[in-house]
């Protein structure tokens, strides 16, 4: 978390939110499937759209981390009397770390949203029969 800079905290919050929604929806769908109970489709889809929001915001925040990391790298270069690789490397590390973390969150949230959407559709079809 520390290596990625300040942008890592909102990314971490999005990761936690995605995990909570994925676990909660999975448990809800398992219970609904076992009990054959009716689902309020609008409510279920609204919660799945939260995963889509996480999938959209994560790469943007990761890119913001890239920009702030690059700013820090160039700031370090401008303050240094001699430019060494170590001066630039810390900012680049921060930049790449946040980008990777944002992309990982987006990939997981997108896949989970798609699979849970398919599961919701099958549950709704089963209830119509």
C-alpha atoms as a PDB file:
ATOM      1  CA  UNK A   1       0.000   0.000   0.000  1.00  0.00           C
ATOM      2  CA  UNK A   2       2.752   2.412   0.936  1.00  0.00           C
ATOM      3  CA  UNK A   3       4.715   1.791  -2.267  1.00  0.00           C
ATOM      4  CA  UNK A   4       1.767   2.788  -4.443  1.00  0.00           C
ATOM      5  CA  UNK A   5       1.223   6.163  -2.846  1.00  0.00           C
ATOM      6  CA  UNK A   6      -1.965   7.904  -1.787  1.00  0.00           C
ATOM      7  CA  UNK A   7      -4.041   6.610  -4.709  1.00  0.00           C
ATOM      8  CA  UNK A   8      -3.693   3.068  -3.371  1.00  0.00           C
ATOM      9  CA  UNK A   9      -6.176   3.786  -0.564  1.00  0.00           C
ATOM     10  CA  UNK A  10      -9.154   4.509  -2.840  1.00  0.00           C
ATOM     11  CA  UNK A  11      -8.112   1.539  -4.976  1.00  0.00           C
ATOM     12  CA  UNK A  12      -8.031  -0.630  -1.866  1.00  0.00           C
ATOM     13  CA  UNK A  13     -11.513   0.632  -0.913  1.00  0.00           C
ATOM     14  CA  UNK A  14     -12.787  -0.323  -4.379  1.00  0.00           C
ATOM     15  CA  UNK A  15     -11.190  -3.761  -4.051  1.00  0.00           C
ATOM     16  CA  UNK A  16     -12.872  -4.321  -0.687  1.00  0.00           C
ATOM     17  CA  UNK A  17     -16.204  -3.107  -2.082  1.00  0.00           C
ATOM     18  CA  UNK A  18     -15.910  -5.488  -5.032  1.00  0.00           C
ATOM     19  CA  UNK A  19     -15.104  -8.451  -2.786  1.00  0.00           C
ATOM     20  CA  UNK A  20     -18.005  -7.639  -0.446  1.00  0.00           C
ATOM     21  CA  UNK A  21     -20.478  -7.361  -3.332  1.00  0.00           C
ATOM     22  CA  UNK A  22     -19.189 -10.557  -4.972  1.00  0.00           C
ATOM     23  CA  UNK A  23     -19.420 -12.558  -1.742  1.00  0.00           C
ATOM     24  CA  UNK A  24     -22.828 -11.117  -0.807  1.00  0.00           C
ATOM     25  CA  UNK A  25     -24.320 -11.734  -4.267  1.00  0.00           C
ATOM     26  CA  UNK A  26     -22.905 -15.258  -4.375  1.00  0.00           C
ATOM     27  CA  UNK A  27     -24.419 -16.106  -0.992  1.00  0.00           C
ATOM     28  CA  UNK A  28     -27.754 -14.517  -1.979  1.00  0.00           C
ATOM     29  CA  UNK A  29     -27.893 -16.424  -5.270  1.00  0.00           C
ATOM     30  CA  UNK A  30     -26.981 -19.720  -3.599  1.00  0.00           C
ATOM     31  CA  UNK A  31     -29.723 -19.213  -1.017  1.00  0.00           C
ATOM     32  CA  UNK A  32     -32.241 -18.233  -3.706  1.00  0.00           C
ATOM     33  CA  UNK A  33     -31.311 -21.248  -5.808  1.00  0.00           C
ATOM     34  CA  UNK A  34     -31.634 -23.683  -2.908  1.00  0.00           C
ATOM     35  CA  UNK A  35     -34.892 -22.261  -1.560  1.00  0.00           C
ATOM     36  CA  UNK A  36     -36.379 -21.509  -4.989  1.00  0.00           C
ATOM     37  CA  UNK A  37     -37.447 -18.139  -3.625  1.00  0.00           C
ATOM     38  CA  UNK A  38     -38.353 -15.158  -5.758  1.00  0.00           C
ATOM     39  CA  UNK A  39     -35.805 -12.480  -6.466  1.00  0.00           C
ATOM     40  CA  UNK A  40     -36.532  -8.835  -6.918  1.00  0.00           C
ATOM     41  CA  UNK A  41     -34.628  -8.554 -10.203  1.00  0.00           C
ATOM     42  CA  UNK A  42     -34.319  -4.772 -10.072  1.00  0.00           C
ATOM     43  CA  UNK A  43     -32.668  -4.889  -6.657  1.00  0.00           C
ATOM     44  CA  UNK A  44     -30.348  -7.693  -7.696  1.00  0.00           C
ATOM     45  CA  UNK A  45     -29.278  -5.928 -10.889  1.00  0.00           C
ATOM     46  CA  UNK A  46     -28.721  -2.645  -9.047  1.00  0.00           C
ATOM     47  CA  UNK A  47     -26.178  -4.299  -6.780  1.00  0.00           C
ATOM     48  CA  UNK A  48     -24.475  -5.899  -9.773  1.00  0.00           C
ATOM     49  CA  UNK A  49     -24.190  -2.473 -11.390  1.00  0.00           C
ATOM     50  CA  UNK A  50     -22.035  -1.503  -8.410  1.00  0.00           C
ATOM     51  CA  UNK A  51     -19.478  -4.023  -9.676  1.00  0.00           C
ATOM     52  CA  UNK A  52     -19.614  -2.361 -13.086  1.00  0.00           C
ATOM     53  CA  UNK A  53     -18.915   0.992 -11.422  1.00  0.00           C
ATOM     54  CA  UNK A  54     -15.908  -0.494  -9.613  1.00  0.00           C
ATOM     55  CA  UNK A  55     -14.684  -1.953 -12.909  1.00  0.00           C
ATOM     56  CA  UNK A  56     -14.895   1.481 -14.543  1.00  0.00           C
ATOM     57  CA  UNK A  57     -13.352   3.492 -11.697  1.00  0.00           C
ATOM     58  CA  UNK A  58     -10.415   1.215 -10.895  1.00  0.00           C
ATOM     59  CA  UNK A  59      -8.392   1.754 -14.091  1.00  0.00           C
ATOM     60  CA  UNK A  60      -9.045   5.489 -13.921  1.00  0.00           C
ATOM     61  CA  UNK A  61      -7.742   5.630 -10.359  1.00  0.00           C
ATOM     62  CA  UNK A  62      -4.820   3.449 -11.406  1.00  0.00           C
ATOM     63  CA  UNK A  63      -4.051   5.916 -14.162  1.00  0.00           C
ATOM     64  CA  UNK A  64      -4.288   8.751 -11.637  1.00  0.00           C
ATOM     65  CA  UNK A  65      -1.677   6.887  -9.602  1.00  0.00           C
ATOM     66  CA  UNK A  66       0.464   6.665 -12.731  1.00  0.00           C
ATOM     67  CA  UNK A  67       0.241  10.403 -13.228  1.00  0.00           C
ATOM     68  CA  UNK A  68       1.041  11.214  -9.585  1.00  0.00           C
ATOM     69  CA  UNK A  69       3.934   8.741  -9.666  1.00  0.00           C
ATOM     70  CA  UNK A  70       5.336  10.386 -12.773  1.00  0.00           C
ATOM     71  CA  UNK A  71       4.933  13.811 -11.163  1.00  0.00           C
ATOM     72  CA  UNK A  72       6.887  12.563  -8.156  1.00  0.00           C
ATOM     73  CA  UNK A  73       9.559  11.092 -10.422  1.00  0.00           C
ATOM     74  CA  UNK A  74      10.037  14.341 -12.333  1.00  0.00           C
ATOM     75  CA  UNK A  75       9.943  16.319  -9.088  1.00  0.00           C
ATOM     76  CA  UNK A  76      12.775  14.157  -7.755  1.00  0.00           C
ATOM     77  CA  UNK A  77      14.737  14.638 -10.977  1.00  0.00           C
ATOM     78  CA  UNK A  78      14.303  18.403 -10.828  1.00  0.00           C
ATOM     79  CA  UNK A  79      15.566  18.544  -7.230  1.00  0.00           C
ATOM     80  CA  UNK A  80      18.530  16.225  -7.785  1.00  0.00           C
ATOM     81  CA  UNK A  81      21.929  17.620  -8.627  1.00  0.00           C
ATOM     82  CA  UNK A  82      22.817  14.485 -10.564  1.00  0.00           C
ATOM     83  CA  UNK A  83      20.256  12.223 -12.129  1.00  0.00           C
ATOM     84  CA  UNK A  84      20.583   8.606 -11.093  1.00  0.00           C
ATOM     85  CA  UNK A  85      18.307   5.697 -11.792  1.00  0.00           C
ATOM     86  CA  UNK A  86      17.319   5.444  -8.115  1.00  0.00           C
ATOM     87  CA  UNK A  87      15.934   8.988  -8.218  1.00  0.00           C
ATOM     88  CA  UNK A  88      13.523   8.161 -11.039  1.00  0.00           C
ATOM     89  CA  UNK A  89      12.811   4.552 -10.066  1.00  0.00           C
ATOM     90  CA  UNK A  90      10.735   5.286  -6.958  1.00  0.00           C
ATOM     91  CA  UNK A  91       8.258   7.427  -8.902  1.00  0.00           C
ATOM     92  CA  UNK A  92       8.063   4.913 -11.716  1.00  0.00           C
ATOM     93  CA  UNK A  93       7.516   2.119  -9.212  1.00  0.00           C
ATOM     94  CA  UNK A  94       4.616   4.030  -7.683  1.00  0.00           C
ATOM     95  CA  UNK A  95       3.185   4.689 -11.140  1.00  0.00           C
ATOM     96  CA  UNK A  96       3.325   1.091 -12.299  1.00  0.00           C
ATOM     97  CA  UNK A  97       2.119  -0.332  -8.997  1.00  0.00           C
ATOM     98  CA  UNK A  98      -1.125   1.691  -8.976  1.00  0.00           C
ATOM     99  CA  UNK A  99      -1.796   0.980 -12.641  1.00  0.00           C
ATOM    100  CA  UNK A 100      -1.413  -2.759 -12.149  1.00  0.00           C
ATOM    101  CA  UNK A 101      -3.572  -2.770  -9.018  1.00  0.00           C
ATOM    102  CA  UNK A 102      -6.305  -0.756 -10.752  1.00  0.00           C
ATOM    103  CA  UNK A 103      -6.306  -3.091 -13.743  1.00  0.00           C
ATOM    104  CA  UNK A 104      -6.434  -6.210 -11.556  1.00  0.00           C
ATOM    105  CA  UNK A 105      -9.437  -4.832  -9.666  1.00  0.00           C
ATOM    106  CA  UNK A 106     -11.173  -3.945 -12.945  1.00  0.00           C
ATOM    107  CA  UNK A 107     -10.573  -7.393 -14.422  1.00  0.00           C
ATOM    108  CA  UNK A 108     -11.888  -9.217 -11.349  1.00  0.00           C
ATOM    109  CA  UNK A 109     -14.935  -6.920 -11.047  1.00  0.00           C
ATOM    110  CA  UNK A 110     -15.769  -7.253 -14.756  1.00  0.00           C
ATOM    111  CA  UNK A 111     -15.531 -11.043 -14.750  1.00  0.00           C
ATOM    112  CA  UNK A 112     -17.523 -11.308 -11.514  1.00  0.00           C
ATOM    113  CA  UNK A 113     -20.209  -8.939 -12.815  1.00  0.00           C
ATOM    114  CA  UNK A 114     -20.551 -10.943 -16.011  1.00  0.00           C
ATOM    115  CA  UNK A 115     -20.733 -14.317 -14.263  1.00  0.00           C
ATOM    116  CA  UNK A 116     -23.141 -13.081 -11.594  1.00  0.00           C
ATOM    117  CA  UNK A 117     -25.302 -11.517 -14.319  1.00  0.00           C
ATOM    118  CA  UNK A 118     -25.492 -14.854 -16.117  1.00  0.00           C
ATOM    119  CA  UNK A 119     -26.357 -16.538 -12.819  1.00  0.00           C
ATOM    120  CA  UNK A 120     -29.099 -13.954 -12.128  1.00  0.00           C
ATOM    121  CA  UNK A 121     -30.567 -14.496 -15.588  1.00  0.00           C
ATOM    122  CA  UNK A 122     -30.688 -18.263 -15.037  1.00  0.00           C
ATOM    123  CA  UNK A 123     -32.323 -17.792 -11.625  1.00  0.00           C
ATOM    124  CA  UNK A 124     -34.955 -15.498 -13.143  1.00  0.00           C
ATOM    125  CA  UNK A 125     -35.623 -17.975 -15.973  1.00  0.00           C
ATOM    126  CA  UNK A 126     -36.023 -20.815 -13.476  1.00  0.00           C
ATOM    127  CA  UNK A 127     -38.544 -18.772 -11.494  1.00  0.00           C
ATOM    128  CA  UNK A 128     -40.655 -18.080 -14.584  1.00  0.00           C
ATOM    129  CA  UNK A 129     -41.119 -21.810 -15.187  1.00  0.00           C
END
